[in-house]
Amino acid sequence: AGCPDSLIKELHHFRILGEEQYNRYQRYGAEECVLQMGGVLCPTPGCGAGLLPEPGVRKIVCEPSNGLGCGVRLRTFLLAL
């Protein structure tokens, strides 16, 4: 997977898990990336979109875009719970 002596040449070798498990793997990776960047995930059931609030902002909207986001308005102190 990118290492010189690796036997696995395909970067998406986790596809062997099957479509459902592979999609879960990718979603987990995306969620972890948002969290590592200091973001949060929308707490609305069924949404879970990644949100990157600006420092000092007290309210944030989970903006609908490209099939993600639910439009809910949140106070940032709720996101920290």
PDB file of N, CA and C in Angstrom:
ATOM      1  N   ALA A   1       0.833  -1.191   0.000  1.00  0.00           N
ATOM      2  CA  ALA A   1       0.000   0.000   0.000  1.00  0.00           C
ATOM      3  C   ALA A   1       0.868   1.241   0.000  1.00  0.00           C
ATOM      4  N   GLY A   2       1.861   1.263  -0.865  1.00  0.00           N
ATOM      5  CA  GLY A   2       2.724   2.429  -0.956  1.00  0.00           C
ATOM      6  C   GLY A   2       4.104   2.205  -0.371  1.00  0.00           C
ATOM      7  N   CYS A   3       4.291   1.151   0.407  1.00  0.00           N
ATOM      8  CA  CYS A   3       5.606   0.845   0.972  1.00  0.00           C
ATOM      9  C   CYS A   3       6.439   0.109  -0.075  1.00  0.00           C
ATOM     10  N   PRO A   4       7.749   0.330  -0.101  1.00  0.00           N
ATOM     11  CA  PRO A   4       8.594  -0.285  -1.133  1.00  0.00           C
ATOM     12  C   PRO A   4       8.513  -1.813  -1.173  1.00  0.00           C
ATOM     13  N   ASP A   5       8.475  -2.475  -0.036  1.00  0.00           N
ATOM     14  CA  ASP A   5       8.465  -3.937  -0.009  1.00  0.00           C
ATOM     15  C   ASP A   5       7.080  -4.526   0.266  1.00  0.00           C
ATOM     16  N   SER A   6       6.049  -3.738   0.079  1.00  0.00           N
ATOM     17  CA  SER A   6       4.691  -4.194   0.370  1.00  0.00           C
ATOM     18  C   SER A   6       4.207  -5.205  -0.667  1.00  0.00           C
ATOM     19  N   LEU A   7       3.525  -6.221  -0.182  1.00  0.00           N
ATOM     20  CA  LEU A   7       2.907  -7.184  -1.081  1.00  0.00           C
ATOM     21  C   LEU A   7       1.562  -6.670  -1.585  1.00  0.00           C
ATOM     22  N   ILE A   8       1.018  -5.672  -0.905  1.00  0.00           N
ATOM     23  CA  ILE A   8      -0.273  -5.104  -1.281  1.00  0.00           C
ATOM     24  C   ILE A   8      -0.017  -3.837  -2.089  1.00  0.00           C
ATOM     25  N   LYS A   9      -0.365  -3.881  -3.357  1.00  0.00           N
ATOM     26  CA  LYS A   9      -0.125  -2.744  -4.245  1.00  0.00           C
ATOM     27  C   LYS A   9      -1.363  -1.853  -4.377  1.00  0.00           C
ATOM     28  N   GLU A  10      -2.536  -2.401  -4.165  1.00  0.00           N
ATOM     29  CA  GLU A  10      -3.792  -1.661  -4.291  1.00  0.00           C
ATOM     30  C   GLU A  10      -4.023  -0.816  -3.043  1.00  0.00           C
ATOM     31  N   LEU A  11      -4.213   0.495  -3.210  1.00  0.00           N
ATOM     32  CA  LEU A  11      -4.436   1.381  -2.077  1.00  0.00           C
ATOM     33  C   LEU A  11      -5.788   1.134  -1.407  1.00  0.00           C
ATOM     34  N   HIS A  12      -6.737   0.625  -2.149  1.00  0.00           N
ATOM     35  CA  HIS A  12      -8.078   0.371  -1.606  1.00  0.00           C
ATOM     36  C   HIS A  12      -8.282  -1.129  -1.345  1.00  0.00           C
ATOM     37  N   HIS A  13      -7.282  -1.747  -0.741  1.00  0.00           N
ATOM     38  CA  HIS A  13      -7.336  -3.191  -0.511  1.00  0.00           C
ATOM     39  C   HIS A  13      -8.438  -3.594   0.462  1.00  0.00           C
ATOM     40  N   PHE A  14      -8.983  -2.631   1.228  1.00  0.00           N
ATOM     41  CA  PHE A  14     -10.063  -2.971   2.142  1.00  0.00           C
ATOM     42  C   PHE A  14     -11.368  -3.278   1.403  1.00  0.00           C
ATOM     43  N   ARG A  15     -11.400  -3.101   0.093  1.00  0.00           N
ATOM     44  CA  ARG A  15     -12.594  -3.464  -0.686  1.00  0.00           C
ATOM     45  C   ARG A  15     -12.923  -4.953  -0.536  1.00  0.00           C
ATOM     46  N   ILE A  16     -11.941  -5.732  -0.142  1.00  0.00           N
ATOM     47  CA  ILE A  16     -12.172  -7.163   0.054  1.00  0.00           C
ATOM     48  C   ILE A  16     -13.218  -7.406   1.147  1.00  0.00           C
ATOM     49  N   LEU A  17     -13.459  -6.404   1.998  1.00  0.00           N
ATOM     50  CA  LEU A  17     -14.450  -6.521   3.072  1.00  0.00           C
ATOM     51  C   LEU A  17     -15.880  -6.589   2.545  1.00  0.00           C
ATOM     52  N   GLY A  18     -16.085  -6.149   1.309  1.00  0.00           N
ATOM     53  CA  GLY A  18     -17.431  -6.060   0.764  1.00  0.00           C
ATOM     54  C   GLY A  18     -17.870  -4.601   0.764  1.00  0.00           C
ATOM     55  N   GLU A  19     -18.873  -4.291  -0.026  1.00  0.00           N
ATOM     56  CA  GLU A  19     -19.300  -2.907  -0.223  1.00  0.00           C
ATOM     57  C   GLU A  19     -19.745  -2.221   1.075  1.00  0.00           C
ATOM     58  N   GLU A  20     -20.585  -2.889   1.866  1.00  0.00           N
ATOM     59  CA  GLU A  20     -21.103  -2.284   3.094  1.00  0.00           C
ATOM     60  C   GLU A  20     -19.983  -1.994   4.095  1.00  0.00           C
ATOM     61  N   GLN A  21     -19.118  -2.967   4.340  1.00  0.00           N
ATOM     62  CA  GLN A  21     -18.024  -2.782   5.292  1.00  0.00           C
ATOM     63  C   GLN A  21     -17.010  -1.753   4.777  1.00  0.00           C
ATOM     64  N   TYR A  22     -16.767  -1.750   3.468  1.00  0.00           N
ATOM     65  CA  TYR A  22     -15.834  -0.778   2.889  1.00  0.00           C
ATOM     66  C   TYR A  22     -16.380   0.635   3.049  1.00  0.00           C
ATOM     67  N   ASN A  23     -17.676   0.814   2.836  1.00  0.00           N
ATOM     68  CA  ASN A  23     -18.292   2.126   3.018  1.00  0.00           C
ATOM     69  C   ASN A  23     -18.195   2.582   4.474  1.00  0.00           C
ATOM     70  N   ARG A  24     -18.390   1.662   5.405  1.00  0.00           N
ATOM     71  CA  ARG A  24     -18.235   1.986   6.831  1.00  0.00           C
ATOM     72  C   ARG A  24     -16.797   2.388   7.127  1.00  0.00           C
ATOM     73  N   TYR A  25     -15.835   1.687   6.569  1.00  0.00           N
ATOM     74  CA  TYR A  25     -14.409   1.997   6.749  1.00  0.00           C
ATOM     75  C   TYR A  25     -14.102   3.411   6.247  1.00  0.00           C
ATOM     76  N   GLN A  26     -14.609   3.760   5.061  1.00  0.00           N
ATOM     77  CA  GLN A  26     -14.367   5.084   4.504  1.00  0.00           C
ATOM     78  C   GLN A  26     -15.038   6.172   5.344  1.00  0.00           C
ATOM     79  N   ARG A  27     -16.267   5.912   5.797  1.00  0.00           N
ATOM     80  CA  ARG A  27     -16.986   6.893   6.621  1.00  0.00           C
ATOM     81  C   ARG A  27     -16.234   7.124   7.938  1.00  0.00           C
ATOM     82  N   TYR A  28     -15.764   6.048   8.549  1.00  0.00           N
ATOM     83  CA  TYR A  28     -14.997   6.172   9.787  1.00  0.00           C
ATOM     84  C   TYR A  28     -13.737   7.008   9.562  1.00  0.00           C
ATOM     85  N   GLY A  29     -13.055   6.758   8.466  1.00  0.00           N
ATOM     86  CA  GLY A  29     -11.848   7.528   8.151  1.00  0.00           C
ATOM     87  C   GLY A  29     -12.143   9.002   7.955  1.00  0.00           C
ATOM     88  N   ALA A  30     -13.238   9.315   7.276  1.00  0.00           N
ATOM     89  CA  ALA A  30     -13.620  10.711   7.057  1.00  0.00           C
ATOM     90  C   ALA A  30     -13.988  11.376   8.385  1.00  0.00           C
ATOM     91  N   GLU A  31     -14.744  10.661   9.229  1.00  0.00           N
ATOM     92  CA  GLU A  31     -15.122  11.210  10.538  1.00  0.00           C
ATOM     93  C   GLU A  31     -13.882  11.467  11.393  1.00  0.00           C
ATOM     94  N   GLU A  32     -12.950  10.547  11.383  1.00  0.00           N
ATOM     95  CA  GLU A  32     -11.725  10.696  12.168  1.00  0.00           C
ATOM     96  C   GLU A  32     -10.915  11.892  11.671  1.00  0.00           C
ATOM     97  N   CYS A  33     -10.885  12.106  10.379  1.00  0.00           N
ATOM     98  CA  CYS A  33     -10.169  13.245   9.803  1.00  0.00           C
ATOM     99  C   CYS A  33     -10.785  14.557  10.292  1.00  0.00           C
ATOM    100  N   VAL A  34     -12.125  14.661  10.274  1.00  0.00           N
ATOM    101  CA  VAL A  34     -12.808  15.871  10.756  1.00  0.00           C
ATOM    102  C   VAL A  34     -12.458  16.117  12.220  1.00  0.00           C
ATOM    103  N   LEU A  35     -12.511  15.080  13.036  1.00  0.00           N
ATOM    104  CA  LEU A  35     -12.210  15.225  14.462  1.00  0.00           C
ATOM    105  C   LEU A  35     -10.756  15.632  14.694  1.00  0.00           C
ATOM    106  N   GLN A  36      -9.825  15.061  13.933  1.00  0.00           N
ATOM    107  CA  GLN A  36      -8.405  15.392  14.063  1.00  0.00           C
ATOM    108  C   GLN A  36      -8.131  16.848  13.683  1.00  0.00           C
ATOM    109  N   MET A  37      -8.975  17.409  12.789  1.00  0.00           N
ATOM    110  CA  MET A  37      -8.827  18.795  12.350  1.00  0.00           C
ATOM    111  C   MET A  37      -9.486  19.767  13.336  1.00  0.00           C
ATOM    112  N   GLY A  38     -10.024  19.247  14.440  1.00  0.00           N
ATOM    113  CA  GLY A  38     -10.662  20.102  15.428  1.00  0.00           C
ATOM    114  C   GLY A  38     -12.133  20.329  15.175  1.00  0.00           C
ATOM    115  N   GLY A  39     -12.708  19.589  14.249  1.00  0.00           N
ATOM    116  CA  GLY A  39     -14.122  19.714  13.937  1.00  0.00           C
ATOM    117  C   GLY A  39     -14.978  18.815  14.809  1.00  0.00           C
ATOM    118  N   VAL A  40     -16.255  18.831  14.531  1.00  0.00           N
ATOM    119  CA  VAL A  40     -17.222  18.002  15.238  1.00  0.00           C
ATOM    120  C   VAL A  40     -18.164  17.382  14.215  1.00  0.00           C
ATOM    121  N   LEU A  41     -18.938  16.399  14.650  1.00  0.00           N
ATOM    122  CA  LEU A  41     -19.931  15.770  13.796  1.00  0.00           C
ATOM    123  C   LEU A  41     -21.303  16.251  14.216  1.00  0.00           C
ATOM    124  N   CYS A  42     -22.161  16.527  13.258  1.00  0.00           N
ATOM    125  CA  CYS A  42     -23.520  16.977  13.558  1.00  0.00           C
ATOM    126  C   CYS A  42     -24.217  15.911  14.400  1.00  0.00           C
ATOM    127  N   PRO A  43     -24.811  16.323  15.536  1.00  0.00           N
ATOM    128  CA  PRO A  43     -25.453  15.351  16.416  1.00  0.00           C
ATOM    129  C   PRO A  43     -26.867  14.951  16.002  1.00  0.00           C
ATOM    130  N   THR A  44     -27.393  15.525  14.922  1.00  0.00           N
ATOM    131  CA  THR A  44     -28.740  15.196  14.485  1.00  0.00           C
ATOM    132  C   THR A  44     -28.797  13.744  14.024  1.00  0.00           C
ATOM    133  N   PRO A  45     -29.749  12.945  14.550  1.00  0.00           N
ATOM    134  CA  PRO A  45     -29.866  11.542  14.124  1.00  0.00           C
ATOM    135  C   PRO A  45     -29.981  11.428  12.608  1.00  0.00           C
ATOM    136  N   GLY A  46     -29.172  10.558  12.031  1.00  0.00           N
ATOM    137  CA  GLY A  46     -29.192  10.317  10.594  1.00  0.00           C
ATOM    138  C   GLY A  46     -28.364  11.300   9.789  1.00  0.00           C
ATOM    139  N   CYS A  47     -27.758  12.304  10.420  1.00  0.00           N
ATOM    140  CA  CYS A  47     -26.953  13.287   9.685  1.00  0.00           C
ATOM    141  C   CYS A  47     -25.472  12.957   9.845  1.00  0.00           C
ATOM    142  N   GLY A  48     -24.851  13.420  10.932  1.00  0.00           N
ATOM    143  CA  GLY A  48     -23.446  13.122  11.189  1.00  0.00           C
ATOM    144  C   GLY A  48     -22.466  13.851  10.299  1.00  0.00           C
ATOM    145  N   ALA A  49     -22.913  14.913   9.602  1.00  0.00           N
ATOM    146  CA  ALA A  49     -22.009  15.663   8.732  1.00  0.00           C
ATOM    147  C   ALA A  49     -20.873  16.277   9.542  1.00  0.00           C
ATOM    148  N   GLY A  50     -19.716  16.404   8.934  1.00  0.00           N
ATOM    149  CA  GLY A  50     -18.578  17.024   9.584  1.00  0.00           C
ATOM    150  C   GLY A  50     -18.706  18.536   9.578  1.00  0.00           C
ATOM    151  N   LEU A  51     -18.476  19.145  10.720  1.00  0.00           N
ATOM    152  CA  LEU A  51     -18.577  20.593  10.861  1.00  0.00           C
ATOM    153  C   LEU A  51     -17.257  21.129  11.389  1.00  0.00           C
ATOM    154  N   LEU A  52     -16.783  22.211  10.776  1.00  0.00           N
ATOM    155  CA  LEU A  52     -15.539  22.848  11.205  1.00  0.00           C
ATOM    156  C   LEU A  52     -15.859  24.279  11.619  1.00  0.00           C
ATOM    157  N   PRO A  53     -16.293  24.466  12.879  1.00  0.00           N
ATOM    158  CA  PRO A  53     -16.641  25.818  13.323  1.00  0.00           C
ATOM    159  C   PRO A  53     -15.412  26.710  13.445  1.00  0.00           C
ATOM    160  N   GLU A  54     -15.600  27.974  13.105  1.00  0.00           N
ATOM    161  CA  GLU A  54     -14.539  28.961  13.255  1.00  0.00           C
ATOM    162  C   GLU A  54     -14.312  29.216  14.747  1.00  0.00           C
ATOM    163  N   PRO A  55     -13.092  29.503  15.154  1.00  0.00           N
ATOM    164  CA  PRO A  55     -12.828  29.811  16.567  1.00  0.00           C
ATOM    165  C   PRO A  55     -13.666  30.995  17.039  1.00  0.00           C
ATOM    166  N   GLY A  56     -14.262  30.872  18.206  1.00  0.00           N
ATOM    167  CA  GLY A  56     -15.058  31.935  18.790  1.00  0.00           C
ATOM    168  C   GLY A  56     -16.494  32.012  18.321  1.00  0.00           C
ATOM    169  N   VAL A  57     -16.876  31.205  17.355  1.00  0.00           N
ATOM    170  CA  VAL A  57     -18.250  31.220  16.848  1.00  0.00           C
ATOM    171  C   VAL A  57     -19.142  30.466  17.819  1.00  0.00           C
ATOM    172  N   ARG A  58     -20.277  31.066  18.184  1.00  0.00           N
ATOM    173  CA  ARG A  58     -21.180  30.446  19.162  1.00  0.00           C
ATOM    174  C   ARG A  58     -22.303  29.651  18.500  1.00  0.00           C
ATOM    175  N   LYS A  59     -22.651  29.982  17.267  1.00  0.00           N
ATOM    176  CA  LYS A  59     -23.717  29.266  16.555  1.00  0.00           C
ATOM    177  C   LYS A  59     -23.181  28.780  15.220  1.00  0.00           C
ATOM    178  N   ILE A  60     -23.663  27.627  14.811  1.00  0.00           N
ATOM    179  CA  ILE A  60     -23.229  27.042  13.546  1.00  0.00           C
ATOM    180  C   ILE A  60     -24.444  26.388  12.889  1.00  0.00           C
ATOM    181  N   VAL A  61     -24.452  26.390  11.561  1.00  0.00           N
ATOM    182  CA  VAL A  61     -25.519  25.748  10.805  1.00  0.00           C
ATOM    183  C   VAL A  61     -24.922  24.565  10.066  1.00  0.00           C
ATOM    184  N   CYS A  62     -25.575  23.436  10.169  1.00  0.00           N
ATOM    185  CA  CYS A  62     -25.167  22.245   9.412  1.00  0.00           C
ATOM    186  C   CYS A  62     -25.723  22.434   7.992  1.00  0.00           C
ATOM    187  N   GLU A  63     -24.961  23.146   7.179  1.00  0.00           N
ATOM    188  CA  GLU A  63     -25.401  23.549   5.853  1.00  0.00           C
ATOM    189  C   GLU A  63     -25.620  22.358   4.922  1.00  0.00           C
ATOM    190  N   PRO A  64     -26.806  22.268   4.328  1.00  0.00           N
ATOM    191  CA  PRO A  64     -27.036  21.229   3.323  1.00  0.00           C
ATOM    192  C   PRO A  64     -26.235  21.530   2.051  1.00  0.00           C
ATOM    193  N   SER A  65     -25.461  20.565   1.590  1.00  0.00           N
ATOM    194  CA  SER A  65     -24.655  20.724   0.388  1.00  0.00           C
ATOM    195  C   SER A  65     -24.228  19.366  -0.125  1.00  0.00           C
ATOM    196  N   ASN A  66     -24.431  19.132  -1.392  1.00  0.00           N
ATOM    197  CA  ASN A  66     -24.011  17.879  -2.038  1.00  0.00           C
ATOM    198  C   ASN A  66     -24.546  16.640  -1.332  1.00  0.00           C
ATOM    199  N   GLY A  67     -25.775  16.680  -0.875  1.00  0.00           N
ATOM    200  CA  GLY A  67     -26.381  15.520  -0.230  1.00  0.00           C
ATOM    201  C   GLY A  67     -26.000  15.329   1.223  1.00  0.00           C
ATOM    202  N   LEU A  68     -25.200  16.236   1.785  1.00  0.00           N
ATOM    203  CA  LEU A  68     -24.812  16.165   3.189  1.00  0.00           C
ATOM    204  C   LEU A  68     -25.359  17.386   3.915  1.00  0.00           C
ATOM    205  N   GLY A  69     -25.479  17.293   5.214  1.00  0.00           N
ATOM    206  CA  GLY A  69     -25.964  18.408   6.018  1.00  0.00           C
ATOM    207  C   GLY A  69     -27.478  18.385   6.119  1.00  0.00           C
ATOM    208  N   CYS A  70     -27.966  18.852   7.268  1.00  0.00           N
ATOM    209  CA  CYS A  70     -29.407  18.760   7.522  1.00  0.00           C
ATOM    210  C   CYS A  70     -30.073  20.112   7.748  1.00  0.00           C
ATOM    211  N   GLY A  71     -29.294  21.186   7.804  1.00  0.00           N
ATOM    212  CA  GLY A  71     -29.848  22.508   7.981  1.00  0.00           C
ATOM    213  C   GLY A  71     -30.122  22.909   9.417  1.00  0.00           C
ATOM    214  N   VAL A  72     -29.826  22.043  10.380  1.00  0.00           N
ATOM    215  CA  VAL A  72     -30.094  22.360  11.781  1.00  0.00           C
ATOM    216  C   VAL A  72     -29.130  23.445  12.265  1.00  0.00           C
ATOM    217  N   ARG A  73     -29.641  24.324  13.120  1.00  0.00           N
ATOM    218  CA  ARG A  73     -28.820  25.375  13.730  1.00  0.00           C
ATOM    219  C   ARG A  73     -28.431  24.897  15.124  1.00  0.00           C
ATOM    220  N   LEU A  74     -27.155  24.980  15.425  1.00  0.00           N
ATOM    221  CA  LEU A  74     -26.640  24.491  16.701  1.00  0.00           C
ATOM    222  C   LEU A  74     -25.837  25.568  17.394  1.00  0.00           C
ATOM    223  N   ARG A  75     -25.852  25.519  18.707  1.00  0.00           N
ATOM    224  CA  ARG A  75     -24.939  26.353  19.498  1.00  0.00           C
ATOM    225  C   ARG A  75     -23.686  25.523  19.706  1.00  0.00           C
ATOM    226  N   THR A  76     -22.536  26.126  19.563  1.00  0.00           N
ATOM    227  CA  THR A  76     -21.294  25.359  19.635  1.00  0.00           C
ATOM    228  C   THR A  76     -21.076  24.715  20.988  1.00  0.00           C
ATOM    229  N   PHE A  77     -21.648  25.266  22.076  1.00  0.00           N
ATOM    230  CA  PHE A  77     -21.441  24.614  23.374  1.00  0.00           C
ATOM    231  C   PHE A  77     -22.153  23.272  23.406  1.00  0.00           C
ATOM    232  N   LEU A  78     -23.219  23.088  22.594  1.00  0.00           N
ATOM    233  CA  LEU A  78     -23.900  21.797  22.528  1.00  0.00           C
ATOM    234  C   LEU A  78     -23.017  20.760  21.834  1.00  0.00           C
ATOM    235  N   LEU A  79     -22.208  21.205  20.891  1.00  0.00           N
ATOM    236  CA  LEU A  79     -21.371  20.274  20.139  1.00  0.00           C
ATOM    237  C   LEU A  79     -20.268  19.682  21.000  1.00  0.00           C
ATOM    238  N   ALA A  80     -19.901  20.361  22.059  1.00  0.00           N
ATOM    239  CA  ALA A  80     -18.828  19.897  22.923  1.00  0.00           C
ATOM    240  C   ALA A  80     -19.308  18.833  23.918  1.00  0.00           C
ATOM    241  N   LEU A  81     -20.619  18.636  24.042  1.00  0.00           N
ATOM    242  CA  LEU A  81     -21.140  17.663  25.009  1.00  0.00           C
ATOM    243  C   LEU A  81     -20.851  16.245  24.609  1.00  0.00           C
TER     244      LEU A  81
END
